[in-house]
N, C-alpha and C. Protein backbone atom coordinates (compact mmCIF):
# COMPACT_ATOMS: atom_id res chain seq x y z
N MET A 1 -88.56 -106.31 -66.93
CA MET A 1 -87.30 -106.28 -67.66
C MET A 1 -87.23 -104.54 -68.07
N LYS A 2 -85.85 -104.55 -68.22
CA LYS A 2 -85.54 -103.01 -68.40
C LYS A 2 -84.63 -102.77 -69.38
N VAL A 3 -84.46 -101.89 -70.14
CA VAL A 3 -83.53 -101.55 -71.81
C VAL A 3 -82.77 -100.56 -71.07
N TYR A 4 -81.21 -101.07 -71.11
CA TYR A 4 -80.17 -100.00 -70.70
C TYR A 4 -79.44 -100.10 -72.08
N LYS A 5 -78.88 -98.91 -72.56
CA LYS A 5 -78.02 -98.82 -73.50
C LYS A 5 -76.66 -98.90 -72.70
N VAL A 6 -75.71 -99.46 -73.95
CA VAL A 6 -74.27 -100.11 -73.60
C VAL A 6 -73.54 -99.31 -74.22
N LYS A 7 -72.41 -98.47 -74.07
CA LYS A 7 -71.51 -97.87 -75.03
C LYS A 7 -70.05 -99.23 -74.22
N VAL A 8 -69.67 -99.60 -75.79
CA VAL A 8 -68.69 -100.79 -75.57
C VAL A 8 -67.72 -100.45 -76.59
N ASN A 9 -66.62 -99.79 -76.65
CA ASN A 9 -65.22 -99.40 -77.59
C ASN A 9 -65.99 -98.90 -78.77
N GLY A 10 -66.78 -97.66 -78.19
CA GLY A 10 -67.43 -96.93 -78.81
C GLY A 10 -68.41 -97.12 -79.97
N LYS A 11 -69.04 -98.19 -79.62
CA LYS A 11 -70.20 -99.16 -80.22
C LYS A 11 -71.27 -99.19 -78.88
N VAL A 12 -72.37 -98.37 -79.64
CA VAL A 12 -73.63 -98.51 -78.49
C VAL A 12 -74.66 -99.78 -78.80
N TYR A 13 -74.91 -100.63 -77.85
CA TYR A 13 -75.53 -101.55 -77.50
C TYR A 13 -77.09 -101.75 -77.10
N GLU A 14 -77.72 -102.25 -77.15
CA GLU A 14 -79.06 -102.37 -75.87
C GLU A 14 -79.22 -103.66 -75.67
N VAL A 15 -79.40 -103.54 -73.98
CA VAL A 15 -79.40 -104.78 -73.63
C VAL A 15 -80.55 -104.79 -72.78
N GLU A 16 -81.01 -106.70 -72.34
CA GLU A 16 -82.66 -106.30 -71.51
C GLU A 16 -81.91 -106.69 -70.19
N VAL A 17 -82.16 -106.49 -68.93
CA VAL A 17 -81.75 -106.84 -67.87
C VAL A 17 -83.24 -107.43 -67.13
N GLU A 18 -82.96 -108.21 -66.60
CA GLU A 18 -84.35 -108.61 -65.82
C GLU A 18 -84.04 -108.61 -64.52
N ALA A 19 -84.89 -108.53 -63.61
CA ALA A 19 -84.72 -108.33 -62.21
C ALA A 19 -84.75 -109.98 -61.65
N VAL A 20 -83.87 -110.25 -60.62
CA VAL A 20 -84.53 -111.40 -59.88
C VAL A 20 -84.30 -111.02 -58.45
N ASP A 21 -84.94 -112.29 -57.59
CA ASP A 21 -84.94 -112.28 -56.28
C ASP A 21 -83.73 -112.38 -56.12
N GLU A 22 -83.06 -112.08 -54.45
CA GLU A 22 -81.94 -112.41 -54.25
C GLU A 22 -81.96 -113.45 -53.46
N VAL A 23 -81.05 -114.34 -54.04
CA VAL A 23 -80.80 -115.95 -53.26
C VAL A 23 -79.84 -116.03 -52.20
N LYS A 24 -80.01 -116.18 -50.79
CA LYS A 24 -78.89 -115.87 -50.02
C LYS A 24 -78.23 -117.82 -50.35
N GLY A 25 -76.83 -118.02 -50.02
CA GLY A 25 -75.92 -118.99 -50.58
C GLY A 25 -74.88 -118.64 -49.89
N ASN A 26 -74.24 -119.34 -49.96
CA ASN A 26 -72.06 -119.50 -49.63
C ASN A 26 -72.00 -119.74 -50.80
N ILE A 27 -70.81 -119.52 -51.41
CA ILE A 27 -69.51 -119.82 -52.85
C ILE A 27 -68.53 -120.47 -52.01
N GLU A 28 -68.23 -121.14 -52.29
CA GLU A 28 -67.05 -122.28 -51.53
C GLU A 28 -66.15 -122.61 -52.59
N ALA A 29 -64.76 -122.09 -52.21
CA ALA A 29 -64.09 -122.78 -53.08
C ALA A 29 -63.71 -124.35 -53.70
N PRO A 30 -63.50 -125.14 -54.46
CA PRO A 30 -63.61 -126.84 -54.37
C PRO A 30 -62.30 -126.43 -53.44
N ILE A 31 -62.33 -127.40 -52.71
CA ILE A 31 -61.27 -128.28 -51.79
C ILE A 31 -60.17 -129.15 -52.87
N LYS A 32 -58.82 -128.45 -52.38
CA LYS A 32 -57.98 -129.21 -53.31
C LYS A 32 -57.73 -130.31 -52.50
N LYS A 33 -57.62 -131.47 -53.43
CA LYS A 33 -56.81 -133.00 -52.79
C LYS A 33 -55.60 -132.32 -51.87
N ALA A 34 -55.26 -133.12 -50.50
CA ALA A 34 -54.37 -132.53 -49.83
C ALA A 34 -53.16 -133.35 -50.80
N GLU A 35 -51.89 -132.66 -50.42
CA GLU A 35 -50.62 -132.73 -51.32
C GLU A 35 -50.46 -134.16 -50.96
N LYS A 36 -49.89 -134.85 -51.94
CA LYS A 36 -49.28 -135.98 -51.84
C LYS A 36 -47.55 -135.82 -51.35
N GLU A 37 -47.20 -136.05 -50.26
CA GLU A 37 -45.80 -136.51 -49.60
C GLU A 37 -44.76 -137.04 -50.74
N VAL A 38 -43.93 -135.95 -51.17
CA VAL A 38 -42.64 -136.27 -52.33
C VAL A 38 -41.35 -136.60 -51.50
N LYS A 39 -41.03 -137.46 -51.28
CA LYS A 39 -39.88 -137.87 -51.00
C LYS A 39 -39.05 -138.46 -52.17
N SER A 40 -37.96 -137.13 -53.16
CA SER A 40 -37.37 -137.53 -53.83
C SER A 40 -35.97 -136.44 -54.04
N GLU A 41 -35.23 -137.27 -54.69
CA GLU A 41 -33.79 -136.07 -55.45
C GLU A 41 -34.61 -135.26 -57.04
N GLY A 42 -35.30 -135.70 -57.51
CA GLY A 42 -35.94 -135.08 -58.47
C GLY A 42 -35.22 -135.89 -59.57
N SER A 43 -33.99 -136.52 -59.76
CA SER A 43 -33.49 -137.11 -61.06
C SER A 43 -33.97 -137.94 -61.33
N ASN A 44 -34.78 -138.75 -60.83
CA ASN A 44 -35.82 -139.81 -61.31
C ASN A 44 -37.61 -139.91 -61.49
N ASP A 45 -37.77 -138.54 -61.38
CA ASP A 45 -39.11 -138.17 -61.46
C ASP A 45 -39.62 -138.60 -62.89
N ILE A 46 -40.66 -139.00 -62.95
CA ILE A 46 -41.56 -139.01 -64.35
C ILE A 46 -42.77 -137.71 -64.21
N LEU A 47 -42.32 -137.04 -65.12
CA LEU A 47 -43.30 -135.67 -64.91
C LEU A 47 -44.27 -136.04 -66.01
N ALA A 48 -45.68 -135.20 -65.95
CA ALA A 48 -46.78 -134.80 -66.46
C ALA A 48 -46.36 -133.86 -67.77
N PRO A 49 -46.12 -134.53 -69.20
CA PRO A 49 -45.77 -133.65 -70.02
C PRO A 49 -46.66 -132.54 -70.66
N ILE A 50 -47.93 -132.86 -69.88
CA ILE A 50 -49.19 -131.99 -70.48
C ILE A 50 -49.81 -132.01 -69.08
N ALA A 51 -51.19 -130.75 -69.52
CA ALA A 51 -52.39 -131.02 -68.46
C ALA A 51 -53.05 -131.78 -68.79
N GLY A 52 -53.65 -132.48 -67.99
CA GLY A 52 -54.91 -132.91 -68.00
C GLY A 52 -55.22 -134.09 -67.65
N LYS A 53 -56.46 -134.97 -67.29
CA LYS A 53 -56.87 -136.01 -66.53
C LYS A 53 -56.02 -137.43 -66.51
N VAL A 54 -55.45 -137.78 -65.38
CA VAL A 54 -55.15 -139.49 -65.48
C VAL A 54 -56.11 -140.67 -65.35
N LEU A 55 -56.15 -141.44 -67.19
CA LEU A 55 -56.89 -142.05 -67.50
C LEU A 55 -56.58 -143.47 -66.62
N SER A 56 -54.97 -143.68 -66.73
CA SER A 56 -54.52 -145.25 -66.06
C SER A 56 -53.31 -145.12 -65.51
N VAL A 57 -52.94 -145.83 -64.45
CA VAL A 57 -51.56 -146.13 -64.10
C VAL A 57 -51.09 -147.31 -64.45
N LYS A 58 -50.51 -147.28 -65.49
CA LYS A 58 -50.04 -148.83 -65.74
C LYS A 58 -48.75 -149.78 -65.21
N VAL A 59 -47.80 -148.87 -63.74
CA VAL A 59 -46.92 -149.63 -63.15
C VAL A 59 -47.29 -149.83 -61.93
N ASN A 60 -46.74 -150.66 -60.87
CA ASN A 60 -47.44 -150.84 -59.18
C ASN A 60 -45.72 -150.25 -58.40
N VAL A 61 -46.17 -150.01 -57.47
CA VAL A 61 -44.87 -149.62 -56.69
C VAL A 61 -44.01 -150.83 -56.46
N GLY A 62 -42.20 -151.04 -56.46
CA GLY A 62 -42.04 -152.15 -56.76
C GLY A 62 -41.71 -152.72 -57.97
N ASP A 63 -42.32 -152.32 -59.06
CA ASP A 63 -42.14 -152.89 -60.42
C ASP A 63 -40.91 -152.57 -61.14
N SER A 64 -40.23 -152.87 -62.02
CA SER A 64 -39.10 -152.50 -62.61
C SER A 64 -39.58 -151.50 -63.93
N VAL A 65 -38.81 -150.86 -64.10
CA VAL A 65 -39.35 -150.10 -65.30
C VAL A 65 -38.11 -149.69 -66.39
N LYS A 66 -38.58 -150.07 -67.82
CA LYS A 66 -37.58 -149.93 -68.40
C LYS A 66 -37.67 -148.68 -69.40
N LYS A 67 -36.58 -147.84 -69.98
CA LYS A 67 -36.62 -146.85 -70.50
C LYS A 67 -37.97 -147.15 -71.87
N GLY A 68 -38.41 -145.91 -72.13
CA GLY A 68 -39.20 -146.08 -73.28
C GLY A 68 -40.91 -146.88 -73.05
N GLN A 69 -41.05 -147.62 -71.89
CA GLN A 69 -41.72 -148.46 -71.54
C GLN A 69 -43.08 -147.30 -71.09
N THR A 70 -44.75 -147.73 -70.99
CA THR A 70 -45.36 -146.74 -70.98
C THR A 70 -46.33 -146.74 -69.56
N VAL A 71 -45.56 -145.97 -68.69
CA VAL A 71 -46.08 -146.12 -66.83
C VAL A 71 -47.27 -145.27 -66.96
N ALA A 72 -48.09 -144.62 -67.64
CA ALA A 72 -49.49 -144.20 -67.58
C ALA A 72 -49.72 -143.40 -68.66
N VAL A 73 -51.39 -143.18 -68.68
CA VAL A 73 -51.82 -142.63 -69.69
C VAL A 73 -52.95 -141.64 -69.45
N ILE A 74 -52.49 -140.31 -70.41
CA ILE A 74 -52.92 -139.10 -69.51
C ILE A 74 -54.16 -138.61 -70.45
N GLU A 75 -55.13 -138.47 -70.26
CA GLU A 75 -56.16 -137.64 -71.54
C GLU A 75 -56.41 -135.95 -71.32
N ALA A 76 -56.09 -135.34 -72.71
CA ALA A 76 -55.71 -134.22 -72.53
C ALA A 76 -56.47 -133.90 -74.01
N MET A 77 -57.69 -132.81 -74.06
CA MET A 77 -58.13 -132.31 -75.10
C MET A 77 -58.57 -133.45 -75.91
N LYS A 78 -59.48 -134.11 -75.38
CA LYS A 78 -59.99 -135.73 -75.82
C LYS A 78 -59.05 -136.74 -76.57
N LEU A 79 -57.64 -136.18 -76.52
CA LEU A 79 -56.47 -137.54 -76.64
C LEU A 79 -56.22 -138.09 -75.58
N GLU A 80 -55.50 -139.30 -75.83
CA GLU A 80 -55.10 -140.28 -75.13
C GLU A 80 -53.27 -140.03 -75.20
N ASN A 81 -52.75 -139.71 -74.03
CA ASN A 81 -51.38 -139.05 -74.27
C ASN A 81 -50.84 -140.59 -73.58
N GLU A 82 -49.72 -141.50 -73.97
CA GLU A 82 -48.98 -142.66 -73.09
C GLU A 82 -47.99 -141.80 -72.67
N ILE A 83 -47.69 -142.20 -71.56
CA ILE A 83 -46.16 -141.07 -70.91
C ILE A 83 -45.47 -142.36 -70.51
N GLN A 84 -44.20 -142.30 -71.18
CA GLN A 84 -43.31 -142.97 -71.01
C GLN A 84 -42.32 -142.44 -70.41
N SER A 85 -41.66 -144.07 -69.37
CA SER A 85 -40.38 -143.71 -68.80
C SER A 85 -39.13 -142.93 -69.87
N ALA A 86 -38.05 -142.13 -68.75
CA ALA A 86 -37.06 -141.35 -69.67
C ALA A 86 -35.70 -142.36 -69.60
N PHE A 87 -36.12 -143.37 -68.63
CA PHE A 87 -35.01 -144.12 -67.69
C PHE A 87 -35.33 -145.34 -67.09
N ASP A 88 -34.50 -146.55 -66.85
CA ASP A 88 -34.81 -147.30 -66.46
C ASP A 88 -34.98 -147.12 -64.87
N GLY A 89 -35.49 -147.69 -63.89
CA GLY A 89 -35.18 -148.11 -62.75
C GLY A 89 -36.50 -148.98 -61.92
N LYS A 90 -36.98 -148.75 -60.61
CA LYS A 90 -37.81 -149.44 -59.62
C LYS A 90 -38.45 -148.27 -59.11
N VAL A 91 -39.77 -148.46 -59.26
CA VAL A 91 -41.03 -147.64 -59.14
C VAL A 91 -40.95 -147.43 -57.08
N LYS A 92 -40.77 -146.46 -56.84
CA LYS A 92 -40.69 -145.79 -55.67
C LYS A 92 -41.78 -145.92 -55.14
N GLN A 93 -42.60 -144.48 -55.93
CA GLN A 93 -43.56 -144.09 -55.12
C GLN A 93 -44.83 -143.81 -56.54
N ILE A 94 -45.91 -143.93 -56.55
CA ILE A 94 -46.72 -143.56 -57.45
C ILE A 94 -47.67 -142.19 -56.59
N LEU A 95 -47.71 -141.07 -57.16
CA LEU A 95 -48.51 -139.97 -56.92
C LEU A 95 -49.70 -139.61 -57.23
N VAL A 96 -49.97 -140.49 -58.35
CA VAL A 96 -51.47 -139.90 -59.06
C VAL A 96 -52.15 -141.41 -58.88
N SER A 97 -53.71 -141.01 -59.54
CA SER A 97 -54.62 -142.00 -59.44
C SER A 97 -55.33 -141.85 -60.50
N ASN A 98 -56.19 -142.81 -60.86
CA ASN A 98 -57.27 -143.01 -61.83
C ASN A 98 -57.70 -141.74 -61.66
N GLY A 99 -58.05 -141.06 -62.90
CA GLY A 99 -59.45 -139.70 -62.00
C GLY A 99 -58.73 -138.60 -61.70
N ASP A 100 -57.53 -138.64 -61.22
CA ASP A 100 -56.71 -137.48 -60.98
C ASP A 100 -56.68 -136.10 -61.86
N ASP A 101 -56.58 -135.11 -61.82
CA ASP A 101 -56.00 -134.17 -63.01
C ASP A 101 -54.47 -133.41 -62.25
N VAL A 102 -54.00 -133.56 -63.43
CA VAL A 102 -52.96 -133.17 -63.30
C VAL A 102 -52.08 -132.02 -64.10
N ARG A 103 -51.39 -131.35 -63.38
CA ARG A 103 -50.86 -129.83 -64.42
C ARG A 103 -49.39 -130.12 -65.28
N ASN A 104 -49.01 -129.46 -66.09
CA ASN A 104 -47.73 -129.75 -67.09
C ASN A 104 -46.61 -129.54 -65.51
N LYS A 105 -46.03 -130.75 -65.92
CA LYS A 105 -44.61 -130.92 -64.83
C LYS A 105 -44.98 -131.62 -63.64
N ASP A 106 -46.14 -131.88 -63.06
CA ASP A 106 -46.86 -132.60 -62.34
C ASP A 106 -45.85 -134.09 -61.85
N VAL A 107 -45.39 -134.37 -61.05
CA VAL A 107 -44.67 -135.47 -60.44
C VAL A 107 -45.69 -136.46 -60.62
N LEU A 108 -45.63 -137.42 -61.44
CA LEU A 108 -46.27 -138.58 -61.80
C LEU A 108 -45.95 -139.77 -60.59
N ILE A 109 -44.73 -140.21 -60.95
CA ILE A 109 -44.13 -141.40 -60.65
C ILE A 109 -42.50 -140.89 -60.72
N VAL A 110 -41.98 -141.47 -59.02
CA VAL A 110 -40.80 -141.95 -58.65
C VAL A 110 -40.35 -142.92 -58.86
N LEU A 111 -39.20 -142.88 -59.55
CA LEU A 111 -37.99 -144.44 -59.67
C LEU A 111 -37.17 -144.01 -58.68
N GLU A 112 -36.34 -145.67 -58.49
CA GLU A 112 -35.02 -145.18 -57.80
C GLU A 112 -34.16 -145.89 -58.65
């Protein structure tokens, strides 16, 4: 082990550095899921209001949905968030599955 002095923002720190054997390997970026095709005008989309993991989808394609009905549950920061429809309609397309990670404003469900 070697000891080095490092200066950070005017303060001096002593750090110990240990040499390790070089290991060859490949670093690979995570493979993204294939983007699901969205055929929608955008006015009847139910969007994720928060980033998180989809715990459950409460509707199926062809189901009728009423305004205020829970259509999915997303876990974010250890809290379960019920996603409710903002309008009435019929489920045309479901773009997420249980366990999917979603970002804020991702399309979850398309109604017609």
